[in-house]
C-alpha atoms as a PDB file:
ATOM      1  CA  MET A   1      19.183 -27.837  27.372  1.00  0.00           C
ATOM      2  CA  ALA A   2      19.204 -28.958  23.608  1.00  0.00           C
ATOM      3  CA  ALA A   3      15.398 -28.740  23.479  1.00  0.00           C
ATOM      4  CA  ALA A   4      15.486 -25.315  25.189  1.00  0.00           C
ATOM      5  CA  GLY A   5      17.958 -24.107  22.734  1.00  0.00           C
ATOM      6  CA  LEU A   6      15.989 -25.257  19.879  1.00  0.00           C
ATOM      7  CA  LEU A   7      12.883 -23.626  21.334  1.00  0.00           C
ATOM      8  CA  LEU A   8      14.798 -20.286  21.664  1.00  0.00           C
ATOM      9  CA  ALA A   9      16.143 -20.431  18.057  1.00  0.00           C
ATOM     10  CA  ALA A  10      12.634 -21.099  16.712  1.00  0.00           C
ATOM     11  CA  CYS A  11      11.247 -18.026  18.739  1.00  0.00           C
ATOM     12  CA  ALA A  12      14.059 -15.949  17.506  1.00  0.00           C
ATOM     13  CA  SER A  13      13.476 -16.841  13.907  1.00  0.00           C
ATOM     14  CA  ALA A  14       9.677 -16.311  13.918  1.00  0.00           C
ATOM     15  CA  PRO A  15       9.098 -13.808  11.225  1.00  0.00           C
ATOM     16  CA  MET A  16       7.458 -10.367  11.990  1.00  0.00           C
ATOM     17  CA  HIS A  17       4.930  -9.021   9.643  1.00  0.00           C
ATOM     18  CA  TYR A  18       4.093  -5.338   9.643  1.00  0.00           C
ATOM     19  CA  TYR A  19       0.942  -3.724   8.135  1.00  0.00           C
ATOM     20  CA  THR A  20      -0.451  -0.330   7.276  1.00  0.00           C
ATOM     21  CA  LEU A  21      -3.814   0.996   6.864  1.00  0.00           C
ATOM     22  CA  VAL A  22      -2.668   3.446   4.220  1.00  0.00           C
ATOM     23  CA  ALA A  23      -3.744   2.182   0.772  1.00  0.00           C
ATOM     24  CA  PRO A  24      -1.043   2.156  -1.894  1.00  0.00           C
ATOM     25  CA  ALA A  25      -0.733   5.425  -3.818  1.00  0.00           C
ATOM     26  CA  GLY A  26      -3.243   5.913  -6.680  1.00  0.00           C
ATOM     27  CA  GLU A  27      -5.470   2.975  -5.473  1.00  0.00           C
ATOM     28  CA  ALA A  28      -8.961   3.991  -4.590  1.00  0.00           C
ATOM     29  CA  VAL A  29     -10.411   1.849  -1.695  1.00  0.00           C
ATOM     30  CA  ALA A  30     -13.789   3.354  -1.858  1.00  0.00           C
ATOM     31  CA  SER A  31     -16.002   3.233  -4.943  1.00  0.00           C
ATOM     32  CA  PRO A  32     -15.278   6.273  -7.143  1.00  0.00           C
ATOM     33  CA  SER A  33     -17.973   8.915  -7.548  1.00  0.00           C
ATOM     34  CA  PRO A  34     -19.632   8.801 -10.896  1.00  0.00           C
ATOM     35  CA  SER A  35     -18.669  12.412 -11.787  1.00  0.00           C
ATOM     36  CA  PRO A  36     -15.880  14.468 -10.021  1.00  0.00           C
ATOM     37  CA  SER A  37     -17.003  16.911  -7.668  1.00  0.00           C
ATOM     38  CA  PRO A  38     -15.619  20.541  -7.335  1.00  0.00           C
ATOM     39  CA  SER A  39     -12.825  20.761  -4.707  1.00  0.00           C
ATOM     40  CA  SER A  40     -13.612  21.714  -1.138  1.00  0.00           C
ATOM     41  CA  PRO A  41     -11.859  24.004   1.352  1.00  0.00           C
ATOM     42  CA  PRO A  42      -8.766  22.584   2.874  1.00  0.00           C
ATOM     43  CA  PHE A  43      -9.372  20.338   5.910  1.00  0.00           C
ATOM     44  CA  GLU A  44      -7.703  19.702   9.265  1.00  0.00           C
ATOM     45  CA  LEU A  45      -7.882  16.202  10.557  1.00  0.00           C
ATOM     46  CA  LEU A  46      -7.523  16.054  14.226  1.00  0.00           C
ATOM     47  CA  PRO A  47      -5.706  13.349  16.091  1.00  0.00           C
ATOM     48  CA  VAL A  48      -7.886   9.991  16.021  1.00  0.00           C
ATOM     49  CA  GLY A  49      -9.044   8.427  19.219  1.00  0.00           C
ATOM     50  CA  VAL A  50      -9.014   4.558  19.345  1.00  0.00           C
ATOM     51  CA  PRO A  51     -10.457   2.178  21.993  1.00  0.00           C
ATOM     52  CA  ALA A  52      -7.886   1.259  24.533  1.00  0.00           C
ATOM     53  CA  GLN A  53      -8.588  -2.531  23.839  1.00  0.00           C
ATOM     54  CA  VAL A  54      -7.082  -2.263  20.438  1.00  0.00           C
ATOM     55  CA  ASP A  55      -4.571   0.476  21.030  1.00  0.00           C
ATOM     56  CA  GLN A  56      -1.784  -1.947  20.920  1.00  0.00           C
ATOM     57  CA  PRO A  57       1.263  -2.459  18.407  1.00  0.00           C
ATOM     58  CA  GLN A  58       0.076  -5.994  17.772  1.00  0.00           C
ATOM     59  CA  LEU A  59      -3.118  -6.699  15.825  1.00  0.00           C
ATOM     60  CA  VAL A  60      -5.932  -7.657  18.184  1.00  0.00           C
ATOM     61  CA  VAL A  61      -8.429 -10.124  16.710  1.00  0.00           C
ATOM     62  CA  ARG A  62     -11.733 -11.757  17.591  1.00  0.00           C
ATOM     63  CA  GLU A  63     -11.599 -15.453  18.832  1.00  0.00           C
ATOM     64  CA  GLY A  64     -15.022 -17.024  19.293  1.00  0.00           C
ATOM     65  CA  GLY A  65     -17.780 -15.010  20.857  1.00  0.00           C
ATOM     66  CA  GLN A  66     -15.812 -13.114  23.707  1.00  0.00           C
ATOM     67  CA  GLY A  67     -12.206 -14.046  23.260  1.00  0.00           C
ATOM     68  CA  VAL A  68      -9.482 -11.892  21.726  1.00  0.00           C
ATOM     69  CA  ALA A  69      -5.901 -12.736  20.694  1.00  0.00           C
ATOM     70  CA  LEU A  70      -2.872 -10.324  20.795  1.00  0.00           C
ATOM     71  CA  LEU A  71      -0.854 -11.445  17.640  1.00  0.00           C
ATOM     72  CA  GLY A  72       2.814 -10.945  18.637  1.00  0.00           C
ATOM     73  CA  GLY A  73       4.071 -11.539  15.032  1.00  0.00           C
ATOM     74  CA  GLU A  74       1.508  -9.411  13.371  1.00  0.00           C
ATOM     75  CA  ARG A  75       2.028  -5.789  13.931  1.00  0.00           C
ATOM     76  CA  TRP A  76       0.929  -2.091  12.773  1.00  0.00           C
ATOM     77  CA  ILE A  77       3.892  -0.057  11.397  1.00  0.00           C
ATOM     78  CA  ALA A  78       2.859   2.749  13.619  1.00  0.00           C
ATOM     79  CA  PRO A  79       0.451   3.340  16.534  1.00  0.00           C
ATOM     80  CA  LEU A  80      -3.063   2.459  15.570  1.00  0.00           C
ATOM     81  CA  GLY A  81      -4.405   6.095  15.895  1.00  0.00           C
ATOM     82  CA  ASP A  82      -1.742   7.319  13.634  1.00  0.00           C
ATOM     83  CA  GLU A  83      -2.403   4.769  11.088  1.00  0.00           C
ATOM     84  CA  VAL A  84      -6.168   5.367  11.020  1.00  0.00           C
ATOM     85  CA  ARG A  85      -5.444   9.132  10.920  1.00  0.00           C
ATOM     86  CA  SER A  86      -3.044   8.785   7.972  1.00  0.00           C
ATOM     87  CA  ALA A  87      -5.356   6.494   5.896  1.00  0.00           C
ATOM     88  CA  LEU A  88      -8.414   8.693   6.510  1.00  0.00           C
ATOM     89  CA  SER A  89      -6.375  11.841   5.643  1.00  0.00           C
ATOM     90  CA  ALA A  90      -5.424  10.388   2.329  1.00  0.00           C
ATOM     91  CA  ASP A  91      -8.870   9.081   1.576  1.00  0.00           C
ATOM     92  CA  LEU A  92     -10.447  12.448   2.435  1.00  0.00           C
ATOM     93  CA  ALA A  93      -7.910  14.291   0.307  1.00  0.00           C
ATOM     94  CA  ARG A  94      -8.825  12.263  -2.712  1.00  0.00           C
ATOM     95  CA  GLU A  95     -12.707  12.413  -2.115  1.00  0.00           C
ATOM     96  CA  LEU A  96     -12.580  16.165  -1.390  1.00  0.00           C
ATOM     97  CA  ARG A  97      -9.969  17.098  -3.993  1.00  0.00           C
ATOM     98  CA  SER A  98      -8.377  19.093  -1.321  1.00  0.00           C
ATOM     99  CA  ALA A  99      -5.469  19.090   1.218  1.00  0.00           C
ATOM    100  CA  ASP A 100      -4.953  18.281   4.764  1.00  0.00           C
ATOM    101  CA  VAL A 101      -3.340  21.285   6.308  1.00  0.00           C
ATOM    102  CA  SER A 102      -3.042  20.007   9.809  1.00  0.00           C
ATOM    103  CA  GLY A 103       0.025  21.483  11.516  1.00  0.00           C
ATOM    104  CA  LEU A 104       0.265  24.418   9.098  1.00  0.00           C
ATOM    105  CA  PRO A 105      -0.013  28.051  10.227  1.00  0.00           C
ATOM    106  CA  GLY A 106      -3.645  29.095  10.537  1.00  0.00           C
ATOM    107  CA  SER A 107      -5.393  31.443   8.214  1.00  0.00           C
ATOM    108  CA  ASP A 108      -8.711  33.301   7.990  1.00  0.00           C
ATOM    109  CA  LYS A 109      -9.742  31.337   4.759  1.00  0.00           C
ATOM    110  CA  PRO A 110     -12.476  28.772   4.939  1.00  0.00           C
ATOM    111  CA  LEU A 111     -11.415  25.543   6.630  1.00  0.00           C
ATOM    112  CA  LEU A 112     -13.119  22.185   7.322  1.00  0.00           C
ATOM    113  CA  ARG A 113     -12.184  20.616  10.766  1.00  0.00           C
ATOM    114  CA  ILE A 114     -12.658  17.113  11.010  1.00  0.00           C
ATOM    115  CA  LYS A 115     -12.662  14.996  14.466  1.00  0.00           C
ATOM    116  CA  LEU A 116     -13.065  11.259  14.489  1.00  0.00           C
ATOM    117  CA  ASP A 117     -13.119   8.940  17.380  1.00  0.00           C
ATOM    118  CA  LEU A 118     -13.370   5.116  16.941  1.00  0.00           C
ATOM    119  CA  ARG A 119     -15.768   3.293  19.182  1.00  0.00           C
ATOM    120  CA  ARG A 120     -15.031  -0.097  17.760  1.00  0.00           C
ATOM    121  CA  PHE A 121     -12.269  -1.505  15.577  1.00  0.00           C
ATOM    122  CA  ASP A 122     -13.246  -5.180  15.421  1.00  0.00           C
ATOM    123  CA  SER A 123     -10.889  -7.624  13.384  1.00  0.00           C
ATOM    124  CA  ALA A 124     -12.459 -11.087  12.752  1.00  0.00           C
ATOM    125  CA  PRO A 125      -9.879 -12.917  10.306  1.00  0.00           C
ATOM    126  CA  GLY A 126     -11.941 -14.782   7.538  1.00  0.00           C
ATOM    127  CA  SER A 127     -15.120 -13.012   8.594  1.00  0.00           C
ATOM    128  CA  TYR A 128     -15.209  -9.268   8.743  1.00  0.00           C
ATOM    129  CA  ALA A 129     -13.419  -6.066   9.536  1.00  0.00           C
ATOM    130  CA  LEU A 130     -15.639  -3.426  11.427  1.00  0.00           C
ATOM    131  CA  VAL A 131     -15.237   0.264  12.288  1.00  0.00           C
ATOM    132  CA  GLU A 132     -17.753   2.211  14.203  1.00  0.00           C
ATOM    133  CA  ALA A 133     -17.065   5.810  14.854  1.00  0.00           C
ATOM    134  CA  ALA A 134     -18.385   9.199  16.120  1.00  0.00           C
ATOM    135  CA  TRP A 135     -17.257  12.055  13.966  1.00  0.00           C
ATOM    136  CA  SER A 136     -17.919  15.795  13.353  1.00  0.00           C
ATOM    137  CA  VAL A 137     -17.246  18.204  10.592  1.00  0.00           C
ATOM    138  CA  ARG A 138     -17.024  21.951  11.306  1.00  0.00           C
ATOM    139  CA  LEU A 139     -16.584  24.804   8.827  1.00  0.00           C
ATOM    140  CA  LEU A 140     -14.453  27.638  10.071  1.00  0.00           C
ATOM    141  CA  HIS A 141     -14.160  31.071   8.700  1.00  0.00           C
ATOM    142  CA  GLY A 142     -16.913  30.500   6.217  1.00  0.00           C
ATOM    143  CA  THR A 143     -19.611  33.003   5.448  1.00  0.00           C
ATOM    144  CA  GLN A 144     -21.986  30.838   7.500  1.00  0.00           C
ATOM    145  CA  PRO A 145     -19.909  28.771  10.027  1.00  0.00           C
ATOM    146  CA  ALA A 146     -21.603  25.532  10.486  1.00  0.00           C
ATOM    147  CA  MET A 147     -20.990  22.136  12.209  1.00  0.00           C
ATOM    148  CA  LEU A 148     -22.596  18.682  12.113  1.00  0.00           C
ATOM    149  CA  ALA A 149     -21.843  15.501  14.257  1.00  0.00           C
ATOM    150  CA  CYS A 150     -22.509  11.976  13.222  1.00  0.00           C
ATOM    151  CA  THR A 151     -21.893   8.360  13.751  1.00  0.00           C
ATOM    152  CA  SER A 152     -21.058   5.576  11.413  1.00  0.00           C
ATOM    153  CA  ARG A 153     -20.775   1.875  11.330  1.00  0.00           C
ATOM    154  CA  VAL A 154     -19.075   0.163   8.397  1.00  0.00           C
ATOM    155  CA  SER A 155     -18.396  -3.584   8.225  1.00  0.00           C
ATOM    156  CA  GLU A 156     -16.465  -5.374   5.353  1.00  0.00           C
ATOM    157  CA  THR A 157     -16.453  -8.980   4.565  1.00  0.00           C
ATOM    158  CA  VAL A 158     -12.706 -10.234   4.555  1.00  0.00           C
ATOM    159  CA  GLY A 159     -11.291 -13.534   3.196  1.00  0.00           C
ATOM    160  CA  PRO A 160      -8.710 -15.731   5.317  1.00  0.00           C
ATOM    161  CA  GLY A 161      -5.460 -14.393   6.299  1.00  0.00           C
ATOM    162  CA  TYR A 162      -4.192 -11.240   8.020  1.00  0.00           C
ATOM    163  CA  PRO A 163      -3.416  -9.273   4.678  1.00  0.00           C
ATOM    164  CA  ALA A 164      -7.062  -9.742   3.810  1.00  0.00           C
ATOM    165  CA  LEU A 165      -8.105  -8.432   7.091  1.00  0.00           C
ATOM    166  CA  VAL A 166      -5.979  -5.306   6.800  1.00  0.00           C
ATOM    167  CA  GLN A 167      -7.183  -4.665   3.375  1.00  0.00           C
ATOM    168  CA  GLY A 168     -10.785  -5.015   4.739  1.00  0.00           C
ATOM    169  CA  HIS A 169     -10.063  -2.204   7.325  1.00  0.00           C
ATOM    170  CA  GLN A 170      -8.549  -0.237   4.371  1.00  0.00           C
ATOM    171  CA  ARG A 171     -11.799  -0.562   2.523  1.00  0.00           C
ATOM    172  CA  ALA A 172     -13.888   0.171   5.790  1.00  0.00           C
ATOM    173  CA  ILE A 173     -11.841   3.415   6.391  1.00  0.00           C
ATOM    174  CA  GLY A 174     -12.410   4.430   2.565  1.00  0.00           C
ATOM    175  CA  GLN A 175     -16.169   4.046   3.052  1.00  0.00           C
ATOM    176  CA  LEU A 176     -16.051   6.061   6.147  1.00  0.00           C
ATOM    177  CA  ALA A 177     -14.117   8.912   4.247  1.00  0.00           C
ATOM    178  CA  VAL A 178     -16.724   8.954   1.587  1.00  0.00           C
ATOM    179  CA  GLN A 179     -19.551   9.408   4.304  1.00  0.00           C
ATOM    180  CA  ILE A 180     -17.473  12.250   5.995  1.00  0.00           C
ATOM    181  CA  ALA A 181     -16.714  13.725   2.610  1.00  0.00           C
ATOM    182  CA  ASP A 182     -20.264  14.076   1.748  1.00  0.00           C
ATOM    183  CA  VAL A 183     -20.999  16.148   4.791  1.00  0.00           C
ATOM    184  CA  ALA A 184     -17.858  18.221   4.385  1.00  0.00           C
ATOM    185  CA  ARG A 185     -18.782  19.043   0.678  1.00  0.00           C
ATOM    186  CA  ALA A 186     -22.125  20.062   1.792  1.00  0.00           C
ATOM    187  CA  LEU A 187     -20.935  22.319   4.660  1.00  0.00           C
ATOM    188  CA  GLY A 188     -18.013  23.713   2.516  1.00  0.00           C
ATOM    189  CA  SER A 189     -20.463  24.927  -0.329  1.00  0.00           C
ATOM    190  CA  GLY A 190     -22.984  26.284   2.150  1.00  0.00           C
ATOM    191  CA  ARG A 191     -25.693  23.641   1.398  1.00  0.00           C
ATOM    192  CA  PRO A 192     -27.618  21.722   4.199  1.00  0.00           C
ATOM    193  CA  ALA A 193     -25.810  18.795   5.407  1.00  0.00           C
ATOM    194  CA  ALA A 194     -27.111  15.343   6.776  1.00  0.00           C
ATOM    195  CA  CYS A 195     -25.803  12.515   8.496  1.00  0.00           C
ATOM    196  CA  PRO A 196     -25.487   9.174   6.666  1.00  0.00           C
ATOM    197  CA  PRO A 197     -28.430   6.940   7.048  1.00  0.00           C
ATOM    198  CA  GLY A 198     -28.245   4.035   9.758  1.00  0.00           C
END
C-alpha cells in the first residue's frame, strides 16, 4: 500500500510542459529578406489539415526506425492544426507585410486565399523536425484571378530536448511561410508564379 501511494504521488507530481509553435513576438524564425518587399493584398488562411497520427494533445515523437511515442507530460497548448495555423499566419503576415483577414466580412477587393494540408509532421528529438505539406494560393477579385498549387518539404536539424524540437518546427514553418509568401507575392502583383524547387 505504501509503495502504491508513493507511486501515485510521483505520478501526480510529474510536471506538465506545454508548447506553442507560435514564435515570440518580433522574433523572425526564417531568414529575413535582403530588402523589404512591397505589401501584398490581405490574405485568408483556411483551417490547416494535419495527419491523424500526430493530431494529439501530446507531442508524438519518433523512436527508432518504425516506433513512435506519445509523450504524456509534453503537450501542445492548443490542437496541433490550430497551432500550425497560428504560427503560419503570423509568419505570413510578416513576410507579406499584410494581414490575415480570416473570419472578417468579405469584400470585392483583391484577396489571397491560402490553404495548407500537412502530409507529415515528424519529430525526432536530437535529430530533426520535418514538415511536408501540400498547399495552394489563390488570388480572388484581382484583375486576373490566378491560382497555384505546390508541395514543400522542410527539415530542420535540432539539438537534444523537447524545447529544441519545438523550435525546429517553428523554423520549419517559418521556411514554409517564406515559400508560400514568394508565390503569394507574385500572384498578388500579377507576375508569373512558380512552385519552390524540390
